[in-house]
Amino acid sequence: MEERSYWYLDNGPIDVPHWTDVTPYEPEVEGRTVRAPMLFTTRDKAETELRSFDEGEADEYLRARRELGEAVWNRALDNTPPHEVFEIGE
């Protein structure tokens, strides 16, 4: 049987399945927010989510700049690699 691949969004590849680093999906279940790794069954679906993620960055930048200040937020952006799509096997 051929091994399946999955795709995820993150700032870099993970070496081991330490899912706290992977961009999470945070649905509300029974009134509580649940963090789960966002995995995709096709690269195309992952790239679609990445585009959606990128489209929201302008609004997120403005919100964070208001809350943290422009200098702090710009420094954080300068030191954070962009999200990319990565593949992982089963």
Protein backbone atom coordinates (compact mmCIF):
# COMPACT_ATOMS: atom_id res chain seq x y z
CA MET A 1 0.00 0.00 0.00
CA GLU A 2 1.34 3.39 -0.98
CA GLU A 3 1.94 5.91 1.82
CA ARG A 4 -0.37 8.91 1.74
CA SER A 5 0.86 12.47 2.00
CA TYR A 6 -0.73 15.37 3.83
CA TRP A 7 0.03 19.07 3.62
CA TYR A 8 0.12 21.71 6.34
CA LEU A 9 0.87 25.43 6.75
CA ASP A 10 3.74 26.54 8.91
CA ASN A 11 6.81 28.80 9.02
CA GLY A 12 9.11 25.83 8.40
CA PRO A 13 9.07 22.05 8.13
CA ILE A 14 8.61 20.04 11.29
CA ASP A 15 11.18 17.35 12.08
CA VAL A 16 8.87 15.23 14.20
CA PRO A 17 5.09 15.27 14.58
CA HIS A 18 5.14 18.04 17.19
CA TRP A 19 1.82 19.52 16.12
CA THR A 20 1.89 22.59 18.36
CA ASP A 21 3.98 24.32 15.65
CA VAL A 22 1.55 23.67 12.79
CA THR A 23 -1.01 26.37 11.97
CA PRO A 24 -4.12 25.22 13.86
CA TYR A 25 -7.79 25.04 13.10
CA GLU A 26 -9.69 26.32 16.14
CA PRO A 27 -13.34 25.23 16.01
CA GLU A 28 -15.69 25.69 18.92
CA VAL A 29 -16.93 22.39 20.32
CA GLU A 30 -19.47 22.34 23.13
CA GLY A 31 -18.71 25.96 23.98
CA ARG A 32 -14.91 25.48 24.10
CA THR A 33 -12.28 26.35 21.52
CA VAL A 34 -10.32 23.29 20.41
CA ARG A 35 -6.86 23.57 18.77
CA ALA A 36 -6.22 20.94 16.11
CA PRO A 37 -3.52 20.78 13.44
CA MET A 38 -4.88 21.85 10.07
CA LEU A 39 -3.96 19.07 7.63
CA PHE A 40 -4.99 18.91 3.99
CA THR A 41 -5.42 15.86 1.78
CA THR A 42 -4.23 17.69 -1.35
CA ARG A 43 -1.57 20.30 -1.98
CA ASP A 44 -4.13 22.37 -3.90
CA LYS A 45 -6.39 22.64 -0.85
CA ALA A 46 -3.44 23.68 1.31
CA GLU A 47 -2.40 26.34 -1.21
CA THR A 48 -5.98 27.66 -1.33
CA GLU A 49 -5.94 28.01 2.47
CA LEU A 50 -2.54 29.72 2.31
CA ARG A 51 -3.93 32.29 -0.15
CA SER A 52 -6.87 32.90 2.19
CA PHE A 53 -4.44 33.22 5.09
CA ASP A 54 -2.33 35.74 3.15
CA GLU A 55 -5.40 37.80 2.16
CA GLY A 56 -6.20 38.37 5.86
CA GLU A 57 -2.69 39.57 6.73
CA ALA A 58 -3.39 43.24 6.04
CA ASP A 59 -6.25 43.33 8.56
CA GLU A 60 -4.20 41.33 11.06
CA TYR A 61 -1.28 43.74 10.65
CA LEU A 62 -3.49 46.74 11.43
CA ARG A 63 -5.04 45.02 14.46
CA ALA A 64 -1.67 43.96 15.87
CA ARG A 65 -0.14 47.37 15.21
CA ARG A 66 -2.94 48.99 17.24
CA GLU A 67 -2.51 46.51 20.11
CA LEU A 68 1.28 46.16 20.21
CA GLY A 69 2.60 49.27 18.51
CA GLU A 70 4.10 49.61 15.05
CA ALA A 71 7.76 49.19 16.05
CA VAL A 72 7.15 45.99 18.03
CA TRP A 73 4.98 44.45 15.33
CA ASN A 74 7.36 45.36 12.50
CA ARG A 75 10.25 43.81 14.45
CA ALA A 76 8.20 40.62 14.92
CA LEU A 77 7.42 40.50 11.19
CA ASP A 78 11.07 41.01 10.29
CA ASN A 79 12.03 38.00 12.46
CA THR A 80 9.27 35.61 11.38
CA PRO A 81 9.50 33.62 8.16
CA PRO A 82 6.34 33.55 5.99
CA HIS A 83 3.91 30.67 6.07
CA GLU A 84 4.42 28.04 3.40
CA VAL A 85 2.88 24.72 2.41
CA PHE A 86 4.79 21.63 3.59
CA GLU A 87 4.23 17.95 2.92
CA ILE A 88 4.35 15.16 5.49
CA GLY A 89 3.80 11.43 5.16
CA GLU A 90 1.59 9.27 7.33
